[in-house]
Amino acid sequence: QVQLGQSGGGLVQPGGSLRLSCAASGIIFNLYTMGWYRQAPVKQRELVAAIAGVGSPHYADFVQGRFTISRDNVENTVSLQMNSLKSEDTAVYYCNAQVLQQTFWGQGTQVTVSS
């Protein structure tokens, strides 16, 4: 059974930082591209960042050097370090694992940026 267990998130003031983590089980982790998506109210889910088993990470333009995605192929985890957070970063963030036609999602975690 595939599980993507998310942790982190919460409430932070503008300009603050948060770290999201996702622990995967039930998959051959290094074969999967791991990513973080987010969905704000009344908006479609969008890619934030992704990283393949081997290779350079990919970021959405709105990240603008503020976020860093990393993965640990021994611990089967992927993390998203988010700095200089803005109110528009408020959303539910989802961990994603994808290879070929297979895709799996974490349960989602709320990130709220507000003063």
N, C-alpha and C. Protein backbone atom coordinates (compact mmCIF):
# COMPACT_ATOMS: atom_id res chain seq x y z
N GLN A 1 0.85 -1.19 0.00
CA GLN A 1 0.00 0.00 0.00
C GLN A 1 0.88 1.24 0.00
N VAL A 2 0.60 2.14 -0.94
CA VAL A 2 1.38 3.36 -1.06
C VAL A 2 0.87 4.40 -0.07
N GLN A 3 1.80 4.99 0.65
CA GLN A 3 1.44 6.07 1.56
C GLN A 3 2.42 7.22 1.42
N LEU A 4 1.88 8.41 1.37
CA LEU A 4 2.68 9.64 1.41
C LEU A 4 2.22 10.41 2.63
N GLY A 5 3.00 10.35 3.69
CA GLY A 5 2.63 10.99 4.94
C GLY A 5 3.27 12.36 5.09
N GLN A 6 2.45 13.38 5.13
CA GLN A 6 2.94 14.76 5.19
C GLN A 6 3.01 15.27 6.63
N SER A 7 3.95 16.18 6.85
CA SER A 7 4.06 16.86 8.13
C SER A 7 4.55 18.28 7.88
N GLY A 8 4.37 19.13 8.87
CA GLY A 8 4.77 20.52 8.73
C GLY A 8 3.56 21.38 8.40
N GLY A 9 3.82 22.59 7.99
CA GLY A 9 2.74 23.52 7.69
C GLY A 9 2.28 24.27 8.92
N GLY A 10 1.21 25.05 8.76
CA GLY A 10 0.67 25.82 9.86
C GLY A 10 0.52 27.29 9.52
N LEU A 11 0.54 28.10 10.55
CA LEU A 11 0.34 29.55 10.41
C LEU A 11 1.67 30.27 10.60
N VAL A 12 1.96 31.19 9.71
CA VAL A 12 3.20 31.96 9.80
C VAL A 12 2.92 33.38 9.32
N GLN A 13 3.69 34.33 9.83
CA GLN A 13 3.55 35.72 9.40
C GLN A 13 4.25 35.93 8.06
N PRO A 14 3.82 36.93 7.31
CA PRO A 14 4.52 37.26 6.06
C PRO A 14 6.00 37.48 6.31
N GLY A 15 6.81 36.92 5.41
CA GLY A 15 8.26 37.00 5.56
C GLY A 15 8.85 35.83 6.34
N GLY A 16 8.01 35.03 6.95
CA GLY A 16 8.47 33.90 7.74
C GLY A 16 8.80 32.68 6.91
N SER A 17 9.13 31.60 7.62
CA SER A 17 9.54 30.35 6.97
C SER A 17 8.76 29.17 7.54
N LEU A 18 8.60 28.18 6.69
CA LEU A 18 8.01 26.90 7.09
C LEU A 18 8.71 25.80 6.31
N ARG A 19 8.67 24.61 6.88
CA ARG A 19 9.23 23.44 6.20
C ARG A 19 8.18 22.34 6.16
N LEU A 20 7.95 21.82 4.97
CA LEU A 20 7.05 20.69 4.78
C LEU A 20 7.87 19.43 4.51
N SER A 21 7.41 18.31 5.04
CA SER A 21 8.08 17.04 4.80
C SER A 21 7.07 16.00 4.38
N CYS A 22 7.55 15.03 3.62
CA CYS A 22 6.69 13.96 3.12
C CYS A 22 7.49 12.66 3.16
N ALA A 23 6.97 11.67 3.85
CA ALA A 23 7.62 10.37 3.96
C ALA A 23 6.84 9.36 3.11
N ALA A 24 7.53 8.70 2.21
CA ALA A 24 6.88 7.77 1.29
C ALA A 24 7.15 6.33 1.70
N SER A 25 6.14 5.50 1.50
CA SER A 25 6.30 4.06 1.71
C SER A 25 5.48 3.33 0.66
N GLY A 26 5.91 2.11 0.35
CA GLY A 26 5.17 1.30 -0.61
C GLY A 26 5.54 1.55 -2.06
N ILE A 27 6.57 2.36 -2.32
CA ILE A 27 7.04 2.61 -3.68
C ILE A 27 8.55 2.47 -3.72
N ILE A 28 9.06 2.24 -4.93
CA ILE A 28 10.52 2.27 -5.11
C ILE A 28 10.87 3.75 -5.28
N PHE A 29 11.22 4.37 -4.19
CA PHE A 29 11.24 5.82 -4.09
C PHE A 29 12.10 6.48 -5.16
N ASN A 30 13.29 5.95 -5.41
CA ASN A 30 14.20 6.67 -6.31
C ASN A 30 13.75 6.62 -7.76
N LEU A 31 12.73 5.83 -8.08
CA LEU A 31 12.20 5.81 -9.44
C LEU A 31 11.20 6.93 -9.70
N TYR A 32 10.69 7.52 -8.62
CA TYR A 32 9.60 8.48 -8.73
C TYR A 32 10.11 9.91 -8.71
N THR A 33 9.49 10.73 -9.55
CA THR A 33 9.64 12.17 -9.41
C THR A 33 8.75 12.62 -8.26
N MET A 34 9.34 13.31 -7.31
CA MET A 34 8.59 13.79 -6.15
C MET A 34 8.33 15.28 -6.32
N GLY A 35 7.15 15.68 -5.96
CA GLY A 35 6.80 17.08 -6.14
C GLY A 35 5.91 17.61 -5.04
N TRP A 36 5.80 18.91 -5.00
CA TRP A 36 4.87 19.61 -4.12
C TRP A 36 3.95 20.45 -4.99
N TYR A 37 2.65 20.30 -4.74
CA TYR A 37 1.63 21.08 -5.41
C TYR A 37 0.88 21.87 -4.34
N ARG A 38 0.14 22.86 -4.78
CA ARG A 38 -0.69 23.59 -3.83
C ARG A 38 -2.01 23.96 -4.49
N GLN A 39 -3.01 24.14 -3.64
CA GLN A 39 -4.33 24.53 -4.12
C GLN A 39 -4.92 25.54 -3.15
N ALA A 40 -5.14 26.74 -3.65
CA ALA A 40 -5.79 27.80 -2.88
C ALA A 40 -7.29 27.74 -3.16
N PRO A 41 -8.09 28.33 -2.28
CA PRO A 41 -9.54 28.33 -2.49
C PRO A 41 -9.91 28.89 -3.86
N VAL A 42 -10.82 28.25 -4.51
CA VAL A 42 -11.36 28.59 -5.83
C VAL A 42 -10.28 28.66 -6.91
N LYS A 43 -9.15 28.03 -6.69
CA LYS A 43 -8.10 27.95 -7.70
C LYS A 43 -7.78 26.49 -8.00
N GLN A 44 -7.19 26.26 -9.16
CA GLN A 44 -6.77 24.91 -9.51
C GLN A 44 -5.47 24.56 -8.80
N ARG A 45 -5.28 23.27 -8.63
CA ARG A 45 -4.03 22.80 -8.04
C ARG A 45 -2.88 23.12 -9.01
N GLU A 46 -1.77 23.60 -8.45
CA GLU A 46 -0.64 23.98 -9.30
C GLU A 46 0.65 23.43 -8.74
N LEU A 47 1.59 23.18 -9.64
CA LEU A 47 2.90 22.68 -9.25
C LEU A 47 3.70 23.78 -8.58
N VAL A 48 4.33 23.43 -7.48
CA VAL A 48 5.23 24.35 -6.78
C VAL A 48 6.68 24.01 -7.12
N ALA A 49 7.03 22.75 -6.94
CA ALA A 49 8.40 22.31 -7.20
C ALA A 49 8.41 20.80 -7.37
N ALA A 50 9.38 20.30 -8.12
CA ALA A 50 9.50 18.86 -8.32
C ALA A 50 10.96 18.50 -8.46
N ILE A 51 11.26 17.25 -8.11
CA ILE A 51 12.64 16.79 -8.22
C ILE A 51 12.61 15.32 -8.59
N ALA A 52 13.34 14.96 -9.64
CA ALA A 52 13.43 13.57 -10.08
C ALA A 52 14.39 12.80 -9.17
N GLY A 53 14.42 11.48 -9.38
CA GLY A 53 15.29 10.65 -8.57
C GLY A 53 16.74 11.10 -8.63
N VAL A 54 17.14 11.45 -9.83
CA VAL A 54 18.47 12.01 -10.03
C VAL A 54 18.31 13.20 -10.96
N GLY A 55 18.82 14.33 -10.58
CA GLY A 55 18.70 15.49 -11.46
C GLY A 55 18.42 16.76 -10.70
N SER A 56 18.28 17.81 -11.48
CA SER A 56 18.06 19.12 -10.89
C SER A 56 16.59 19.34 -10.56
N PRO A 57 16.31 20.10 -9.55
CA PRO A 57 14.91 20.40 -9.23
C PRO A 57 14.32 21.40 -10.21
N HIS A 58 13.01 21.39 -10.26
CA HIS A 58 12.26 22.32 -11.10
C HIS A 58 11.33 23.12 -10.20
N TYR A 59 11.25 24.44 -10.44
CA TYR A 59 10.42 25.31 -9.63
C TYR A 59 9.44 26.10 -10.49
N ALA A 60 8.28 26.37 -9.93
CA ALA A 60 7.35 27.28 -10.57
C ALA A 60 7.91 28.69 -10.53
N ASP A 61 7.52 29.49 -11.49
CA ASP A 61 8.06 30.87 -11.56
C ASP A 61 7.76 31.66 -10.29
N PHE A 62 6.62 31.41 -9.68
CA PHE A 62 6.24 32.24 -8.53
C PHE A 62 7.10 31.93 -7.29
N VAL A 63 7.87 30.85 -7.33
CA VAL A 63 8.77 30.53 -6.22
C VAL A 63 9.88 31.57 -6.11
N GLN A 64 10.43 31.95 -7.27
CA GLN A 64 11.41 33.05 -7.36
C GLN A 64 12.55 32.92 -6.36
N GLY A 65 13.09 31.72 -6.21
CA GLY A 65 14.23 31.50 -5.33
C GLY A 65 13.90 31.45 -3.85
N ARG A 66 12.62 31.48 -3.49
CA ARG A 66 12.24 31.48 -2.07
C ARG A 66 12.13 30.09 -1.49
N PHE A 67 11.81 29.10 -2.33
CA PHE A 67 11.57 27.74 -1.85
C PHE A 67 12.69 26.82 -2.34
N THR A 68 12.95 25.78 -1.55
CA THR A 68 13.94 24.77 -1.93
C THR A 68 13.35 23.38 -1.70
N ILE A 69 13.36 22.57 -2.74
CA ILE A 69 12.91 21.19 -2.61
C ILE A 69 14.13 20.29 -2.51
N SER A 70 14.03 19.26 -1.67
CA SER A 70 15.13 18.31 -1.52
C SER A 70 14.55 16.93 -1.24
N ARG A 71 15.33 15.93 -1.55
CA ARG A 71 14.89 14.57 -1.31
C ARG A 71 16.01 13.74 -0.72
N ASP A 72 15.63 12.73 0.05
CA ASP A 72 16.58 11.81 0.64
C ASP A 72 16.18 10.41 0.17
N ASN A 73 16.96 9.84 -0.75
CA ASN A 73 16.62 8.56 -1.33
C ASN A 73 16.93 7.37 -0.42
N VAL A 74 17.52 7.64 0.73
CA VAL A 74 17.74 6.59 1.74
C VAL A 74 16.56 6.58 2.71
N GLU A 75 16.16 7.75 3.17
CA GLU A 75 15.05 7.86 4.12
C GLU A 75 13.69 7.89 3.42
N ASN A 76 13.69 7.98 2.07
CA ASN A 76 12.45 8.05 1.30
C ASN A 76 11.59 9.25 1.69
N THR A 77 12.24 10.39 1.77
CA THR A 77 11.53 11.61 2.13
C THR A 77 11.80 12.72 1.12
N VAL A 78 10.86 13.62 1.04
CA VAL A 78 11.02 14.83 0.24
C VAL A 78 10.56 16.00 1.10
N SER A 79 11.28 17.11 1.02
CA SER A 79 10.98 18.26 1.85
C SER A 79 10.88 19.51 1.00
N LEU A 80 10.16 20.49 1.53
CA LEU A 80 10.05 21.79 0.87
C LEU A 80 10.31 22.85 1.92
N GLN A 81 11.43 23.52 1.79
CA GLN A 81 11.76 24.64 2.66
C GLN A 81 11.23 25.91 2.02
N MET A 82 10.37 26.61 2.74
CA MET A 82 9.72 27.80 2.20
C MET A 82 10.14 29.01 3.02
N ASN A 83 10.81 29.94 2.38
CA ASN A 83 11.26 31.17 3.03
C ASN A 83 10.58 32.38 2.40
N SER A 84 10.65 33.49 3.09
CA SER A 84 10.06 34.74 2.59
C SER A 84 8.62 34.53 2.13
N LEU A 85 7.86 33.89 2.97
CA LEU A 85 6.48 33.56 2.61
C LEU A 85 5.62 34.79 2.46
N LYS A 86 4.69 34.71 1.52
CA LYS A 86 3.78 35.80 1.22
C LYS A 86 2.35 35.35 1.47
N SER A 87 1.44 36.29 1.60
CA SER A 87 0.04 35.93 1.84
C SER A 87 -0.51 35.08 0.69
N GLU A 88 -0.02 35.34 -0.50
CA GLU A 88 -0.51 34.58 -1.66
C GLU A 88 0.00 33.14 -1.69
N ASP A 89 0.89 32.78 -0.78
CA ASP A 89 1.34 31.39 -0.66
C ASP A 89 0.36 30.56 0.17
N THR A 90 -0.64 31.21 0.73
CA THR A 90 -1.64 30.49 1.52
C THR A 90 -2.38 29.49 0.64
N ALA A 91 -2.36 28.23 1.06
CA ALA A 91 -2.98 27.16 0.28
C ALA A 91 -2.84 25.84 1.04
N VAL A 92 -3.50 24.83 0.52
CA VAL A 92 -3.24 23.46 0.97
C VAL A 92 -2.14 22.91 0.07
N TYR A 93 -1.10 22.38 0.69
CA TYR A 93 0.05 21.87 -0.04
C TYR A 93 0.00 20.34 -0.04
N TYR A 94 0.24 19.76 -1.22
CA TYR A 94 0.16 18.32 -1.40
C TYR A 94 1.49 17.75 -1.87
N CYS A 95 1.89 16.67 -1.27
CA CYS A 95 3.04 15.90 -1.73
C CYS A 95 2.58 15.00 -2.88
N ASN A 96 3.43 14.82 -3.88
CA ASN A 96 3.08 14.02 -5.04
C ASN A 96 4.24 13.13 -5.43
N ALA A 97 3.90 11.91 -5.82
CA ALA A 97 4.89 10.97 -6.36
C ALA A 97 4.40 10.51 -7.73
N GLN A 98 5.26 10.59 -8.73
CA GLN A 98 4.82 10.29 -10.10
C GLN A 98 5.90 9.56 -10.87
N VAL A 99 5.49 8.51 -11.58
CA VAL A 99 6.36 7.86 -12.55
C VAL A 99 5.47 7.29 -13.65
N LEU A 100 5.77 7.59 -14.89
CA LEU A 100 4.99 7.16 -16.06
C LEU A 100 3.51 7.50 -15.80
N GLN A 101 2.64 6.51 -15.79
CA GLN A 101 1.20 6.77 -15.64
C GLN A 101 0.73 6.72 -14.19
N GLN A 102 1.64 6.47 -13.29
CA GLN A 102 1.25 6.35 -11.88
C GLN A 102 1.49 7.65 -11.14
N THR A 103 0.49 8.04 -10.35
CA THR A 103 0.66 9.22 -9.51
C THR A 103 -0.03 9.00 -8.19
N PHE A 104 0.60 9.43 -7.12
CA PHE A 104 0.07 9.29 -5.78
C PHE A 104 0.14 10.63 -5.09
N TRP A 105 -0.81 10.84 -4.15
CA TRP A 105 -0.91 12.12 -3.45
C TRP A 105 -0.88 11.92 -1.94
N GLY A 106 -0.29 12.89 -1.27
CA GLY A 106 -0.38 12.96 0.17
C GLY A 106 -1.73 13.53 0.58
N GLN A 107 -1.94 13.61 1.89
CA GLN A 107 -3.24 14.01 2.40
C GLN A 107 -3.46 15.53 2.37
N GLY A 108 -2.40 16.27 2.15
CA GLY A 108 -2.51 17.73 2.12
C GLY A 108 -2.27 18.32 3.50
N THR A 109 -1.67 19.50 3.51
CA THR A 109 -1.44 20.21 4.76
C THR A 109 -1.64 21.70 4.52
N GLN A 110 -2.29 22.35 5.44
CA GLN A 110 -2.62 23.77 5.29
C GLN A 110 -1.42 24.64 5.64
N VAL A 111 -1.15 25.59 4.76
CA VAL A 111 -0.18 26.65 5.03
C VAL A 111 -0.92 27.97 4.95
N THR A 112 -0.88 28.72 6.02
CA THR A 112 -1.54 30.01 6.08
C THR A 112 -0.52 31.08 6.42
N VAL A 113 -0.42 32.07 5.54
CA VAL A 113 0.50 33.19 5.75
C VAL A 113 -0.34 34.43 6.03
N SER A 114 -0.26 34.88 7.26
CA SER A 114 -1.11 35.99 7.67
C SER A 114 -0.53 36.68 8.89
N SER A 115 -0.75 37.97 8.96
CA SER A 115 -0.30 38.71 10.14
C SER A 115 -1.43 38.80 11.15
